[in-house]
Amino acid sequence: MGLTQSEELLCQNVASIIKDYRREELSESITAAHVKKWIKQFPTESRELLLSETANILSDWYFDTTYIKNSFFRDVVRFVTNKYGFVSENLVFREAVFLNLQECGKSQDRLLRILEQVAISCFNESIITDHSLKRKHYIYIDDGLYTGRTSIREIRQVVELLPYGSTLDCFFLVAGSNGLAYNYKTISPIAKEHGIELALYRHRILDNIPYAEVTQINATTKEETYSFYQHCMWPTNDILSDSDIAEFATMLDNKRAKYLFRDKYWKNDKGIFTSSDARNEIERIFIRMGIKLLNGKIGNDCLYPLGFHCFSSWGFGSFLASDLNISNTCPLVLWSEVSGWNPLFPRRTKYNSHSDVEMIDFENWSLTENDINSIYSDSIL
């Protein structure tokens, strides 16, 4: 069955937002026809809701090259200038080394090429990327920090190579709150041991604390006020009415999964969606379709219906992308190509498999909100 006129227009809307996604790499650009291929794989009755919510979310959580240049990088340059008291922003490019630790063609390499364009066009400067040069200041830039595995591995390696007494400022376009805190908790002792002044910063925060903290108790009514926010997909237990999802949930339980469902204070939270009803329905659809892409099984690659995660769960559940790539922490239906699935975002993969993934204990990874605030409350762009 074809699309309705409203759905056709929504396909054009989504395509207009993500039109430059991996423009230099893909054989075909992202068009409305591409979006149609993706949406037609879903049940007819769900398509308009999926398209309208996707367009709404990506209008805020899709980062094109212009945004990266004019917002993210300009903020980084201003921040570093102020932090170290440079008399001009040009000194950022003369005094600091921008670390390129990933393979050529990966997101970090592409980010630094974009930064080089900014340096030349706005400051008539070039960036220094040779970390063997002895400098006081070193800067690590990446597009995303989600579980924190990649950045921990890369930053840990470079910390051991930098001169004693130098600074290492790490900037992420997007960072998950728990992952950012876990990163700092893991790396800071190593940095301190090597005499490195380490700081982690994010341009956009992806809040994914899986529990609410009591912030205030009314003295008269004893009513509690909670501080919570959630930018990731995370279903309620209402999805268990679907037998396939219920069976998969049992498998997760057998692997000691925690915080599988949002309840109590979270029950009616709309998150990044336009309503809680829309959120509930799309989470159900994405999980159901993701289970099919996994053939109803949980493998050893840490892939779940809502994306990669470092412990048993429905998946990380981020819903965002940039012109550079999409994270595997997003739902499988957005990027997977298994079983002939047509993804909305064909993904550049970093590894051939995830068979070497080290599972992380949930209690070590998931910190309290107070822990997180104490770690980076002064480290926000």
Protein backbone atom coordinates (compact mmCIF):
# COMPACT_ATOMS: atom_id res chain seq x y z
CA MET A 1 0.00 0.00 0.00
CA GLY A 2 1.27 3.48 -0.91
CA LEU A 3 1.75 6.43 1.41
CA THR A 4 -0.86 9.08 2.14
CA GLN A 5 -0.32 12.68 1.07
CA SER A 6 0.50 13.60 4.65
CA GLU A 7 3.06 10.80 4.87
CA GLU A 8 4.61 11.88 1.57
CA LEU A 9 5.10 15.39 2.95
CA LEU A 10 6.58 14.03 6.17
CA CYS A 11 9.06 11.96 4.17
CA GLN A 12 10.16 15.14 2.42
CA ASN A 13 10.47 16.88 5.79
CA VAL A 14 12.67 14.16 7.27
CA ALA A 15 14.80 14.06 4.11
CA SER A 16 15.32 17.83 4.22
CA ILE A 17 16.73 17.53 7.76
CA ILE A 18 19.16 14.68 7.06
CA LYS A 19 19.93 15.39 3.39
CA ASP A 20 23.69 15.77 3.98
CA TYR A 21 24.09 12.63 6.07
CA ARG A 22 27.45 11.03 5.10
CA ARG A 23 27.26 12.97 1.84
CA GLU A 24 30.89 12.25 0.89
CA GLU A 25 30.61 8.52 1.57
CA LEU A 26 27.23 7.22 0.43
CA SER A 27 26.68 6.28 -3.19
CA GLU A 28 23.26 7.92 -3.09
CA SER A 29 22.23 11.04 -1.20
CA ILE A 30 19.41 10.97 1.33
CA THR A 31 16.15 11.86 -0.43
CA ALA A 32 12.43 11.49 0.25
CA ALA A 33 12.57 8.26 -1.77
CA HIS A 34 15.15 6.90 0.66
CA VAL A 35 12.94 7.79 3.63
CA LYS A 36 9.99 6.07 1.92
CA LYS A 37 11.94 2.82 1.61
CA TRP A 38 12.54 2.93 5.34
CA ILE A 39 9.04 3.82 6.50
CA LYS A 40 7.28 1.29 4.25
CA GLN A 41 8.84 -1.50 6.32
CA PHE A 42 6.59 -0.54 9.25
CA PRO A 43 2.90 -1.33 9.75
CA THR A 44 0.66 0.96 7.70
CA GLU A 45 -1.22 2.28 10.73
CA SER A 46 2.03 3.39 12.43
CA ARG A 47 3.73 5.23 9.59
CA GLU A 48 2.38 8.76 10.04
CA LEU A 49 3.14 8.76 13.78
CA LEU A 50 6.64 7.41 13.17
CA LEU A 51 7.39 10.01 10.52
CA SER A 52 5.99 12.98 12.43
CA GLU A 53 7.83 12.06 15.64
CA THR A 54 11.06 11.32 13.76
CA ALA A 55 10.89 14.72 12.04
CA ASN A 56 10.22 16.46 15.34
CA ILE A 57 13.06 14.71 17.17
CA LEU A 58 15.62 15.16 14.41
CA SER A 59 14.81 18.86 14.14
CA ASP A 60 16.49 19.13 17.55
CA TRP A 61 18.79 16.09 17.65
CA TYR A 62 20.29 16.04 14.16
CA PHE A 63 23.57 17.94 13.93
CA ASP A 64 24.59 19.06 10.46
CA THR A 65 28.00 20.40 9.46
CA THR A 66 26.86 24.02 9.74
CA TYR A 67 25.82 23.45 13.37
CA ILE A 68 29.11 21.71 14.13
CA LYS A 69 31.07 24.63 12.68
CA ASN A 70 29.08 27.58 13.96
CA SER A 71 27.92 26.28 17.33
CA PHE A 72 30.03 23.39 18.61
CA PHE A 73 33.48 24.43 17.38
CA ARG A 74 33.03 28.14 18.00
CA ASP A 75 31.96 27.32 21.58
CA VAL A 76 35.01 25.10 22.04
CA VAL A 77 37.36 27.83 20.83
CA ARG A 78 35.76 30.49 23.06
CA PHE A 79 35.77 28.16 26.04
CA VAL A 80 39.46 27.21 25.72
CA THR A 81 40.40 30.87 25.17
CA ASN A 82 38.67 31.90 28.41
CA LYS A 83 39.83 28.90 30.43
CA TYR A 84 43.54 29.52 29.77
CA GLY A 85 43.39 33.30 29.54
CA PHE A 86 44.59 33.55 25.95
CA VAL A 87 44.60 37.15 24.69
CA SER A 88 43.02 36.02 21.40
CA GLU A 89 41.19 32.99 20.07
CA ASN A 90 43.98 32.51 17.51
CA LEU A 91 46.23 31.28 20.31
CA VAL A 92 44.07 28.18 20.71
CA PHE A 93 45.38 26.97 17.35
CA ARG A 94 48.97 27.98 18.05
CA GLU A 95 49.27 26.67 21.60
CA ALA A 96 47.13 23.50 21.65
CA VAL A 97 47.49 20.11 19.97
CA PHE A 98 44.24 18.59 18.67
CA LEU A 99 44.55 14.84 19.12
CA ASN A 100 43.65 12.55 16.22
CA LEU A 101 43.54 9.09 17.75
CA GLN A 102 41.11 7.31 15.44
CA GLU A 103 41.67 5.73 12.05
CA CYS A 104 41.53 7.95 8.98
CA GLY A 105 37.93 8.40 7.85
CA LYS A 106 36.38 7.93 11.29
CA SER A 107 34.29 10.62 12.91
CA GLN A 108 37.14 12.21 14.86
CA ASP A 109 39.27 12.52 11.74
CA ARG A 110 36.35 14.11 9.89
CA LEU A 111 35.63 16.47 12.79
CA LEU A 112 39.22 17.70 12.74
CA ARG A 113 39.00 18.33 9.01
CA ILE A 114 35.93 20.46 9.64
CA LEU A 115 37.77 22.25 12.46
CA GLU A 116 40.66 22.93 10.07
CA GLN A 117 38.18 24.68 7.76
CA VAL A 118 37.00 26.80 10.70
CA ALA A 119 40.57 27.63 11.70
CA ILE A 120 41.47 28.77 8.18
CA SER A 121 38.28 30.63 7.29
CA CYS A 122 37.66 32.33 10.65
CA PHE A 123 41.15 32.74 12.13
CA ASN A 124 43.61 32.32 9.24
CA GLU A 125 45.24 29.55 11.27
CA SER A 126 45.82 25.80 10.98
CA ILE A 127 45.38 23.13 13.62
CA ILE A 128 48.25 21.14 15.12
CA THR A 129 47.56 17.39 15.32
CA ASP A 130 51.02 15.92 15.99
CA HIS A 131 50.80 14.78 19.62
CA SER A 132 54.55 14.07 19.71
CA LEU A 133 55.09 17.84 19.81
CA LYS A 134 55.68 19.08 23.34
CA ARG A 135 52.87 21.41 24.29
CA LYS A 136 51.17 22.46 27.49
CA HIS A 137 47.63 21.99 26.17
CA TYR A 138 46.06 19.01 24.38
CA ILE A 139 42.49 18.78 23.13
CA TYR A 140 40.46 15.65 22.35
CA ILE A 141 37.29 16.13 20.27
CA ASP A 142 34.70 13.54 19.32
CA ASP A 143 31.10 13.53 18.13
CA GLY A 144 29.65 11.38 20.89
CA LEU A 145 30.17 9.71 24.24
CA TYR A 146 27.45 7.21 25.08
CA THR A 147 28.56 4.17 27.10
CA GLY A 148 32.07 5.64 27.23
CA ARG A 149 33.95 2.55 26.04
CA THR A 150 35.64 4.09 22.99
CA SER A 151 36.74 7.33 24.64
CA ILE A 152 38.06 5.51 27.72
CA ARG A 153 40.24 3.30 25.54
CA GLU A 154 41.57 6.20 23.45
CA ILE A 155 42.06 8.72 26.24
CA ARG A 156 43.72 6.16 28.51
CA GLN A 157 46.27 5.44 25.78
CA VAL A 158 47.13 9.07 25.10
CA VAL A 159 47.35 10.05 28.78
CA GLU A 160 50.40 7.83 29.10
CA LEU A 161 52.10 9.64 26.20
CA LEU A 162 51.54 13.29 27.14
CA PRO A 163 54.19 15.36 28.96
CA TYR A 164 53.89 15.48 32.73
CA GLY A 165 52.10 18.66 33.83
CA SER A 166 50.13 19.16 30.62
CA THR A 167 46.38 19.62 30.30
CA LEU A 168 43.93 17.40 28.44
CA ASP A 169 40.52 18.87 27.64
CA CYS A 170 38.02 16.45 26.07
CA PHE A 171 35.05 17.89 24.19
CA PHE A 172 32.06 15.88 22.96
CA LEU A 173 29.33 17.13 20.65
CA VAL A 174 26.90 14.92 22.59
CA ALA A 175 27.54 13.02 25.82
CA GLY A 176 25.36 10.74 27.89
CA SER A 177 25.25 11.81 31.54
CA ASN A 178 26.10 8.39 32.96
CA GLY A 179 28.75 7.66 30.34
CA LEU A 180 30.44 11.01 30.90
CA ALA A 181 30.59 10.45 34.64
CA TYR A 182 31.80 6.86 34.20
CA ASN A 183 34.50 8.11 31.84
CA TYR A 184 35.80 10.63 34.33
CA LYS A 185 35.63 8.16 37.22
CA THR A 186 37.68 5.65 35.20
CA ILE A 187 40.27 7.92 33.59
CA SER A 188 40.91 10.64 36.19
CA PRO A 189 43.02 8.42 38.52
CA ILE A 190 45.20 7.42 35.56
CA ALA A 191 45.56 11.04 34.44
CA LYS A 192 46.47 12.12 37.97
CA GLU A 193 49.09 9.37 38.18
CA HIS A 194 50.74 10.73 35.01
CA GLY A 195 50.50 14.36 36.10
CA ILE A 196 47.83 15.27 33.53
CA GLU A 197 45.12 17.84 34.33
CA LEU A 198 42.04 16.17 32.82
CA ALA A 199 38.63 17.73 32.12
CA LEU A 200 35.60 16.44 30.22
CA TYR A 201 33.02 18.70 28.55
CA ARG A 202 29.90 18.28 26.47
CA HIS A 203 28.06 20.57 24.08
CA ARG A 204 24.74 18.75 24.39
CA ILE A 205 23.88 16.48 27.30
CA LEU A 206 21.97 13.25 26.75
CA ASP A 207 20.37 12.62 30.11
CA ASN A 208 19.93 8.93 30.81
CA ILE A 209 19.88 8.58 34.59
CA PRO A 210 17.62 5.55 35.19
CA TYR A 211 16.18 6.70 38.49
CA ALA A 212 14.82 9.90 40.02
CA GLU A 213 16.40 11.75 42.92
CA VAL A 214 14.34 13.44 45.64
CA THR A 215 15.18 17.15 45.50
CA GLN A 216 12.66 18.61 47.96
CA ILE A 217 10.08 17.48 50.53
CA ASN A 218 7.23 19.84 51.38
CA ALA A 219 7.33 20.41 55.15
CA THR A 220 3.54 20.56 55.44
CA THR A 221 2.21 18.05 52.91
CA LYS A 222 5.33 15.84 52.86
CA GLU A 223 4.97 15.78 49.09
CA GLU A 224 8.22 14.91 47.36
CA THR A 225 9.62 16.77 44.37
CA TYR A 226 11.85 14.85 41.99
CA SER A 227 14.55 15.94 39.62
CA PHE A 228 14.56 13.79 36.50
CA TYR A 229 14.80 14.02 32.75
CA GLN A 230 15.35 11.38 30.10
CA HIS A 231 16.51 11.81 26.52
CA CYS A 232 16.75 8.09 25.71
CA MET A 233 14.09 5.58 24.75
CA TRP A 234 13.04 3.47 27.71
CA PRO A 235 9.72 1.59 27.73
CA THR A 236 7.10 1.03 30.41
CA ASN A 237 6.05 -2.49 31.33
CA ASP A 238 2.88 -2.00 29.25
CA ILE A 239 4.82 -3.42 26.30
CA LEU A 240 4.71 -6.84 27.96
CA SER A 241 1.19 -7.25 26.55
CA ASP A 242 3.01 -8.18 23.34
CA SER A 243 3.97 -11.87 23.66
CA ASP A 244 7.15 -11.58 21.57
CA ILE A 245 8.36 -8.64 23.65
CA ALA A 246 7.44 -10.45 26.88
CA GLU A 247 9.49 -13.47 25.81
CA PHE A 248 12.49 -11.25 25.05
CA ALA A 249 12.07 -9.51 28.42
CA THR A 250 12.30 -12.90 30.12
CA MET A 251 15.63 -13.50 28.37
CA LEU A 252 16.87 -10.13 29.59
CA ASP A 253 15.77 -10.97 33.13
CA ASN A 254 17.73 -14.20 32.90
CA LYS A 255 20.81 -12.11 32.15
CA ARG A 256 20.21 -10.01 35.28
CA ALA A 257 19.06 -6.91 33.45
CA LYS A 258 18.18 -3.93 35.68
CA TYR A 259 15.92 -0.92 35.18
CA LEU A 260 14.15 -2.56 32.24
CA PHE A 261 11.10 -0.32 32.62
CA ARG A 262 10.40 3.27 33.50
CA ASP A 263 7.69 3.47 36.14
CA LYS A 264 6.43 5.63 39.02
CA TYR A 265 7.68 9.17 38.32
CA TRP A 266 8.66 8.26 34.74
CA LYS A 267 5.43 6.54 33.75
CA ASN A 268 3.93 9.51 31.86
CA ASP A 269 7.18 11.21 30.91
CA LYS A 270 7.14 12.16 27.21
CA GLY A 271 10.95 12.40 26.93
CA ILE A 272 12.01 13.71 23.52
CA PHE A 273 8.63 12.88 21.98
CA THR A 274 5.62 15.16 21.61
CA SER A 275 3.54 13.12 24.07
CA SER A 276 3.82 10.13 26.38
CA ASP A 277 1.36 8.22 24.19
CA ALA A 278 3.53 8.78 21.12
CA ARG A 279 6.60 7.75 23.09
CA ASN A 280 4.99 4.54 24.33
CA GLU A 281 3.81 3.52 20.88
CA ILE A 282 7.10 4.18 19.10
CA GLU A 283 9.13 2.44 21.79
CA ARG A 284 6.85 -0.58 21.39
CA ILE A 285 7.23 -0.58 17.60
CA PHE A 286 11.00 -0.08 17.65
CA ILE A 287 11.46 -2.83 20.23
CA ARG A 288 9.19 -5.27 18.40
CA MET A 289 10.92 -4.63 15.05
CA GLY A 290 14.33 -4.71 16.71
CA ILE A 291 13.62 -8.13 18.18
CA LYS A 292 12.83 -9.36 14.67
CA LEU A 293 16.15 -7.97 13.39
CA LEU A 294 17.86 -9.91 16.19
CA ASN A 295 15.91 -13.04 15.25
CA GLY A 296 14.49 -13.04 18.76
CA LYS A 297 17.86 -13.83 20.28
CA ILE A 298 20.41 -12.12 22.50
CA GLY A 299 23.92 -12.62 21.14
CA ASN A 300 27.35 -11.86 22.57
CA ASP A 301 27.70 -8.59 20.67
CA CYS A 302 25.79 -6.40 23.16
CA LEU A 303 23.24 -5.40 20.53
CA TYR A 304 19.66 -5.03 21.72
CA PRO A 305 16.46 -3.74 20.05
CA LEU A 306 17.16 -0.13 21.11
CA GLY A 307 20.85 -0.32 20.19
CA PHE A 308 24.19 -1.25 21.65
CA HIS A 309 24.71 -1.24 25.41
CA CYS A 310 27.43 -2.52 27.70
CA PHE A 311 25.02 -4.47 29.92
CA SER A 312 21.78 -6.41 29.43
CA SER A 313 18.93 -4.03 28.61
CA TRP A 314 16.58 -3.01 25.80
CA GLY A 315 19.56 -1.04 24.46
CA PHE A 316 20.96 2.43 25.07
CA GLY A 317 18.09 4.07 23.20
CA SER A 318 19.58 7.31 21.89
CA PHE A 319 17.73 8.90 18.96
CA LEU A 320 20.08 11.29 17.18
CA ALA A 321 22.59 11.54 14.35
CA SER A 322 24.88 13.99 12.57
CA ASP A 323 26.22 14.53 9.07
CA LEU A 324 29.15 12.33 10.16
CA ASN A 325 27.40 9.14 11.28
CA ILE A 326 24.85 7.56 13.61
CA SER A 327 25.78 5.82 16.83
CA ASN A 328 25.10 2.10 17.25
CA THR A 329 23.50 3.09 20.57
CA CYS A 330 20.44 4.16 18.55
CA PRO A 331 17.59 1.69 17.88
CA LEU A 332 18.44 -1.00 15.34
CA VAL A 333 15.58 0.04 13.04
CA LEU A 334 17.39 3.34 12.40
CA TRP A 335 20.71 1.90 11.19
CA SER A 336 20.85 -1.91 10.95
CA GLU A 337 21.13 -3.55 7.53
CA VAL A 338 20.67 -7.18 8.61
CA SER A 339 18.19 -9.40 6.79
CA GLY A 340 17.81 -6.87 3.98
CA TRP A 341 16.50 -4.10 6.24
CA ASN A 342 16.63 -0.62 4.65
CA PRO A 343 17.94 1.75 7.36
CA LEU A 344 17.11 5.42 7.61
CA PHE A 345 20.79 6.04 8.43
CA PRO A 346 23.23 3.66 6.71
CA ARG A 347 25.94 3.48 9.32
CA ARG A 348 29.72 3.54 8.98
CA THR A 349 30.82 0.75 11.30
CA LYS A 350 33.92 0.99 13.46
CA TYR A 351 34.40 -2.73 13.92
CA ASN A 352 33.59 -5.84 11.93
CA SER A 353 31.95 -7.33 15.02
CA HIS A 354 31.38 -6.61 18.68
CA SER A 355 32.51 -10.02 19.83
CA ASP A 356 35.36 -8.45 21.81
CA VAL A 357 33.05 -6.26 23.88
CA GLU A 358 33.70 -6.27 27.61
CA MET A 359 30.49 -6.17 29.60
CA ILE A 360 30.40 -3.46 32.28
CA ASP A 361 28.84 -4.02 35.66
CA PHE A 362 25.71 -1.89 35.84
CA GLU A 363 26.35 -0.63 39.36
CA ASN A 364 29.78 0.71 38.35
CA TRP A 365 28.46 2.35 35.19
CA SER A 366 25.27 3.89 36.55
CA LEU A 367 26.06 6.62 39.06
CA THR A 368 23.70 8.77 41.11
CA GLU A 369 22.77 12.25 39.96
CA ASN A 370 24.76 13.72 42.86
CA ASP A 371 27.83 11.75 41.74
CA ILE A 372 27.41 13.05 38.20
CA ASN A 373 26.92 16.68 39.24
CA SER A 374 29.97 16.60 41.48
CA ILE A 375 32.09 15.33 38.60
CA TYR A 376 31.26 17.77 35.85
CA SER A 377 29.10 20.56 37.22
CA ASP A 378 31.91 23.02 36.44
CA SER A 379 32.73 21.42 33.13
CA ILE A 380 29.86 22.44 30.88
CA LEU A 381 30.07 24.48 27.69
